[in-house]
Amino acid sequence: MIAIDIDDTLVNSEKKLTPAVKQAIVQAKKSGIKVVICTGRPLSGVVSLLHQLGLEEQDDQYVVGFGGALVQTTSGKVLSAAPLSYSDYVDLEYLARKKGLHFHAISKDRIYTADRDLGKYTVYESRLVSLGISYRTPAEMQHIKLIKAMFIDEPAVLDAALKNYSDFAQLTDRVTFTRSTPFYYEANAKGVTKGSALKKLCTLLDMTAANLMAIGDGGNDLSMLEFAGLGVAMGNAIPELKEVAQAITTDCDHDGVAVAIKKYALHA
């Protein structure tokens, strides 16, 4: 099995799949290798990529979504879910207001914000993952099943908010935080990571980590590279990821995923 992050990994800096990457994944599938997209996005934000790769609407192909909070078949069947509680949401939303950060929470099919002044990254995320945005007060959110939440702001604004970490630290017994991009600080239920989701999927498929290669570039990929038998960092990966990786491939603009698949999975 090969687990692959999307942004700046599977797709290049223009958010496009290159012919070489498509071909390598098609070859891997023909060789009996499962290719699992592992992303912070929901399934709706992955459908077009699955279609391009010939992996869509299948009961024996899988997606790890929402940073590990949801494991699904590409046909939509939920195999594992670890949502945020309403109490977690309320405390996270209050923390965002206290820190002056834009914030939203996401269900399987909607993005919710309690701020009428929409953050530009909420709008960006909405377009990226093909989910609509709804304004709801915290009181109105009580019966909405939320998968994850995100503090979303300019990198310098996030950096300043995280410098004094004590307020975030008070929630770490209930929430797992991940800096997935310079402008996203994500919150999942405690213990939820891409690595924990892949561990569940391996158990369901009667596989071990030794049969898994993981490829990524960012902070939310650390857990899956550490879990996989072979962790591969992109050439454009953050330094922390390169430190834990067993191998480093080329960057996303030079077919890094294809290079890794051919070298380590197809031995071409």
Protein backbone atom coordinates (compact mmCIF):
# COMPACT_ATOMS: atom_id res chain seq x y z
CA MET A 1 0.00 0.00 0.00
CA ILE A 2 1.17 3.53 -0.81
CA ALA A 3 -0.22 6.47 1.19
CA ILE A 4 0.15 9.84 -0.53
CA ASP A 5 -0.53 13.39 0.66
CA ILE A 6 -2.12 15.73 -1.89
CA ASP A 7 -0.96 19.34 -1.77
CA ASP A 8 2.69 19.83 -2.78
CA THR A 9 3.05 16.05 -2.95
CA LEU A 10 0.63 14.27 -5.28
CA VAL A 11 -0.05 17.50 -7.16
CA ASN A 12 2.51 20.07 -8.23
CA SER A 13 2.72 23.71 -7.15
CA GLU A 14 -0.03 24.53 -9.68
CA LYS A 15 -2.33 21.97 -7.95
CA LYS A 16 -2.18 19.68 -10.99
CA LEU A 17 -1.43 16.00 -11.50
CA THR A 18 1.42 15.48 -13.94
CA PRO A 19 1.34 12.72 -16.58
CA ALA A 20 4.29 10.95 -14.94
CA VAL A 21 2.57 10.79 -11.55
CA LYS A 22 -0.68 9.53 -13.12
CA GLN A 23 1.21 6.84 -15.01
CA ALA A 24 3.14 5.66 -11.96
CA ILE A 25 -0.03 5.35 -9.89
CA VAL A 26 -1.84 3.46 -12.67
CA GLN A 27 1.13 1.07 -12.88
CA ALA A 28 1.12 0.60 -9.11
CA LYS A 29 -2.59 -0.23 -9.14
CA LYS A 30 -2.06 -2.75 -11.96
CA SER A 31 0.65 -4.35 -9.82
CA GLY A 32 -1.86 -4.94 -7.02
CA ILE A 33 -0.74 -2.03 -4.86
CA LYS A 34 -3.40 -0.01 -3.03
CA VAL A 35 -2.93 3.74 -3.49
CA VAL A 36 -4.48 5.64 -0.59
CA ILE A 37 -4.90 9.40 -0.73
CA CYS A 38 -4.21 10.83 2.75
CA THR A 39 -5.33 14.41 3.15
CA GLY A 40 -6.78 17.08 5.35
CA ARG A 41 -9.54 17.44 2.76
CA PRO A 42 -12.96 15.75 2.82
CA LEU A 43 -13.89 13.21 0.14
CA SER A 44 -15.56 15.98 -1.89
CA GLY A 45 -12.19 17.68 -2.23
CA VAL A 46 -10.58 14.53 -3.62
CA VAL A 47 -13.16 13.27 -6.12
CA SER A 48 -11.66 14.93 -9.20
CA LEU A 49 -8.21 13.53 -8.40
CA LEU A 50 -9.62 10.04 -7.80
CA HIS A 51 -11.36 10.25 -11.17
CA GLN A 52 -8.14 11.22 -12.94
CA LEU A 53 -6.36 8.28 -11.28
CA GLY A 54 -9.11 5.72 -11.96
CA LEU A 55 -9.72 5.21 -8.24
CA GLU A 56 -13.19 6.75 -7.88
CA GLU A 57 -16.39 5.01 -6.67
CA GLN A 58 -14.72 1.74 -5.65
CA ASP A 59 -15.40 -0.42 -2.61
CA ASP A 60 -11.81 -1.69 -2.41
CA GLN A 61 -9.97 1.63 -2.76
CA TYR A 62 -9.59 4.01 0.15
CA VAL A 63 -9.20 7.63 1.23
CA VAL A 64 -7.98 8.97 4.57
CA GLY A 65 -9.67 12.35 4.95
CA PHE A 66 -9.86 15.25 7.41
CA GLY A 67 -6.28 14.63 8.57
CA GLY A 68 -7.12 11.10 9.69
CA ALA A 69 -10.53 11.69 11.28
CA LEU A 70 -12.34 9.79 8.54
CA VAL A 71 -11.36 6.62 6.68
CA GLN A 72 -13.64 5.82 3.73
CA THR A 73 -13.84 3.72 0.63
CA THR A 74 -13.74 5.87 -2.50
CA SER A 75 -17.40 4.88 -2.98
CA GLY A 76 -18.15 6.73 0.27
CA LYS A 77 -18.56 3.97 2.86
CA VAL A 78 -17.22 5.14 6.24
CA LEU A 79 -14.83 2.61 7.81
CA SER A 80 -13.62 4.72 10.72
CA ALA A 81 -14.64 8.08 12.17
CA ALA A 82 -13.25 10.17 15.04
CA PRO A 83 -15.22 13.45 15.21
CA LEU A 84 -14.79 16.47 17.46
CA SER A 85 -17.24 16.87 20.34
CA TYR A 86 -19.42 19.94 20.73
CA SER A 87 -17.50 20.82 23.89
CA ASP A 88 -14.24 20.71 21.93
CA TYR A 89 -15.73 22.95 19.25
CA VAL A 90 -16.97 25.55 21.76
CA ASP A 91 -13.59 25.77 23.47
CA LEU A 92 -11.73 25.99 20.16
CA GLU A 93 -14.05 28.68 18.82
CA TYR A 94 -13.63 30.70 22.03
CA LEU A 95 -9.85 30.32 21.77
CA ALA A 96 -9.97 31.68 18.21
CA ARG A 97 -11.87 34.75 19.39
CA LYS A 98 -9.49 35.21 22.33
CA LYS A 99 -6.47 35.04 20.00
CA GLY A 100 -8.08 37.11 17.25
CA LEU A 101 -7.81 34.32 14.67
CA HIS A 102 -10.13 33.36 11.86
CA PHE A 103 -11.63 29.94 12.51
CA HIS A 104 -13.97 27.42 10.97
CA ALA A 105 -15.21 23.90 11.65
CA ILE A 106 -16.07 21.25 9.08
CA SER A 107 -18.69 18.51 8.88
CA LYS A 108 -18.74 15.84 6.19
CA ASP A 109 -20.55 18.20 3.83
CA ARG A 110 -20.23 21.80 5.07
CA ILE A 111 -17.86 24.45 6.44
CA TYR A 112 -19.18 26.44 9.41
CA THR A 113 -18.01 29.77 10.77
CA ALA A 114 -19.29 31.92 13.63
CA ASP A 115 -17.60 34.98 12.12
CA ARG A 116 -19.55 36.96 9.52
CA ASP A 117 -16.24 38.50 8.46
CA LEU A 118 -15.12 35.46 6.47
CA GLY A 119 -11.41 34.79 6.46
CA LYS A 120 -9.97 34.63 2.96
CA TYR A 121 -8.55 31.16 3.72
CA THR A 122 -12.02 29.90 4.64
CA VAL A 123 -13.17 30.99 1.17
CA TYR A 124 -10.04 29.39 -0.33
CA GLU A 125 -10.70 26.13 1.53
CA SER A 126 -14.33 26.13 0.42
CA ARG A 127 -13.29 26.32 -3.23
CA LEU A 128 -10.47 23.82 -2.80
CA VAL A 129 -12.64 21.09 -1.26
CA SER A 130 -15.97 21.91 -2.95
CA LEU A 131 -17.90 22.57 0.27
CA GLY A 132 -20.29 25.43 0.91
CA ILE A 133 -19.93 27.82 3.87
CA SER A 134 -22.61 28.44 6.49
CA TYR A 135 -22.68 31.09 9.21
CA ARG A 136 -23.82 29.64 12.56
CA THR A 137 -23.46 30.91 16.11
CA PRO A 138 -21.80 28.50 18.56
CA ALA A 139 -25.20 27.82 20.16
CA GLU A 140 -26.58 26.75 16.78
CA MET A 141 -23.76 24.23 16.31
CA GLN A 142 -24.77 21.88 19.11
CA HIS A 143 -26.34 19.17 16.95
CA ILE A 144 -24.02 19.40 13.95
CA LYS A 145 -21.53 16.53 13.69
CA LEU A 146 -18.13 18.11 13.20
CA ILE A 147 -15.10 16.23 11.93
CA LYS A 148 -12.35 18.80 12.46
CA ALA A 149 -11.70 22.50 13.00
CA MET A 150 -9.10 24.92 11.66
CA PHE A 151 -7.50 28.17 12.78
CA ILE A 152 -6.85 29.85 9.44
CA ASP A 153 -4.96 33.10 9.04
CA GLU A 154 -1.90 34.82 7.63
CA PRO A 155 1.27 32.92 8.63
CA ALA A 156 2.61 35.86 10.65
CA VAL A 157 -0.71 36.16 12.51
CA LEU A 158 -0.73 32.44 13.32
CA ASP A 159 2.92 32.55 14.36
CA ALA A 160 2.20 35.38 16.78
CA ALA A 161 -0.82 33.57 18.26
CA LEU A 162 1.14 30.34 18.74
CA LYS A 163 4.13 32.05 20.34
CA ASN A 164 2.31 32.02 23.69
CA TYR A 165 1.09 28.44 23.54
CA SER A 166 -0.40 28.12 27.02
CA ASP A 167 -4.03 28.57 25.90
CA PHE A 168 -3.65 25.88 23.23
CA ALA A 169 -1.81 23.61 25.66
CA GLN A 170 -4.86 23.56 27.94
CA LEU A 171 -6.76 21.68 25.23
CA THR A 172 -4.12 19.12 24.24
CA ASP A 173 -5.60 16.45 26.54
CA ARG A 174 -8.68 16.49 24.27
CA VAL A 175 -7.44 17.79 20.92
CA THR A 176 -4.56 17.01 18.54
CA PHE A 177 -3.17 20.13 16.86
CA THR A 178 -1.26 20.07 13.56
CA ARG A 179 0.35 22.87 11.55
CA SER A 180 -0.46 21.51 8.11
CA THR A 181 0.50 24.64 6.15
CA PRO A 182 1.87 28.07 7.13
CA PHE A 183 -1.72 29.40 7.17
CA TYR A 184 -3.57 26.38 8.67
CA TYR A 185 -3.46 25.19 12.29
CA GLU A 186 -5.78 22.19 12.43
CA ALA A 187 -7.61 20.63 15.37
CA ASN A 188 -8.76 17.01 15.43
CA ALA A 189 -10.03 14.78 18.22
CA LYS A 190 -7.27 13.56 20.53
CA GLY A 191 -4.99 10.99 18.90
CA VAL A 192 -6.30 11.58 15.37
CA THR A 193 -3.53 11.77 12.77
CA LYS A 194 -2.89 10.42 9.30
CA GLY A 195 -0.69 7.81 10.96
CA SER A 196 -3.41 6.63 13.35
CA ALA A 197 -5.87 6.36 10.44
CA LEU A 198 -3.43 4.31 8.36
CA LYS A 199 -2.88 2.02 11.33
CA LYS A 200 -6.64 1.38 11.45
CA LEU A 201 -6.78 0.80 7.71
CA CYS A 202 -3.86 -1.63 7.83
CA THR A 203 -5.64 -3.57 10.57
CA LEU A 204 -8.85 -3.71 8.51
CA LEU A 205 -6.90 -4.97 5.48
CA ASP A 206 -4.81 -7.42 7.54
CA MET A 207 -1.62 -5.60 6.59
CA THR A 208 1.39 -4.42 8.56
CA ALA A 209 3.28 -1.14 8.42
CA ALA A 210 6.11 -3.05 6.73
CA ASN A 211 3.90 -3.24 3.61
CA LEU A 212 3.26 0.52 3.60
CA MET A 213 5.09 3.38 1.91
CA ALA A 214 4.03 6.92 2.82
CA ILE A 215 4.91 10.05 0.84
CA GLY A 216 4.40 13.60 2.10
CA ASP A 217 5.77 17.11 2.54
CA GLY A 218 4.21 18.81 5.57
CA GLY A 219 3.74 18.71 9.33
CA ASN A 220 0.54 16.68 9.14
CA ASP A 221 2.48 13.97 7.26
CA LEU A 222 4.95 13.30 10.09
CA SER A 223 2.78 10.66 11.76
CA MET A 224 2.28 8.62 8.60
CA LEU A 225 5.95 8.68 7.64
CA GLU A 226 6.83 7.55 11.15
CA PHE A 227 4.26 4.72 10.99
CA ALA A 228 5.08 3.47 7.50
CA GLY A 229 7.71 0.85 6.84
CA LEU A 230 9.13 3.28 4.30
CA GLY A 231 8.63 6.99 4.81
CA VAL A 232 9.49 9.18 1.82
CA ALA A 233 9.80 12.96 2.07
CA MET A 234 9.33 15.16 -0.97
CA GLY A 235 12.26 17.29 -2.06
CA ASN A 236 10.14 20.31 -1.08
CA ALA A 237 9.25 18.85 2.35
CA ILE A 238 9.78 20.71 5.61
CA PRO A 239 13.09 19.92 7.38
CA GLU A 240 11.34 18.04 10.21
CA LEU A 241 9.85 15.59 7.74
CA LYS A 242 13.13 14.99 5.97
CA GLU A 243 14.69 14.15 9.33
CA VAL A 244 12.27 11.27 10.02
CA ALA A 245 12.11 9.99 6.42
CA GLN A 246 14.02 6.92 5.28
CA ALA A 247 14.23 8.37 1.77
CA ILE A 248 13.92 11.73 0.02
CA THR A 249 12.54 12.00 -3.50
CA THR A 250 12.47 14.92 -5.93
CA ASP A 251 10.09 17.85 -5.38
CA CYS A 252 6.46 18.11 -6.48
CA ASP A 253 7.39 20.03 -9.63
CA HIS A 254 9.75 17.26 -10.70
CA ASP A 255 7.43 14.24 -10.34
CA GLY A 256 8.62 13.29 -6.85
CA VAL A 257 5.76 10.85 -6.28
CA ALA A 258 6.41 9.08 -9.59
CA VAL A 259 10.14 8.86 -8.86
CA ALA A 260 9.46 7.30 -5.45
CA ILE A 261 6.87 4.81 -6.72
CA LYS A 262 9.10 3.62 -9.55
CA LYS A 263 12.19 3.33 -7.33
CA TYR A 264 10.71 1.76 -4.19
CA ALA A 265 7.42 0.10 -5.21
CA LEU A 266 7.85 -0.89 -8.84
CA HIS A 267 11.65 -1.18 -8.68
CA ALA A 268 11.87 0.30 -12.16
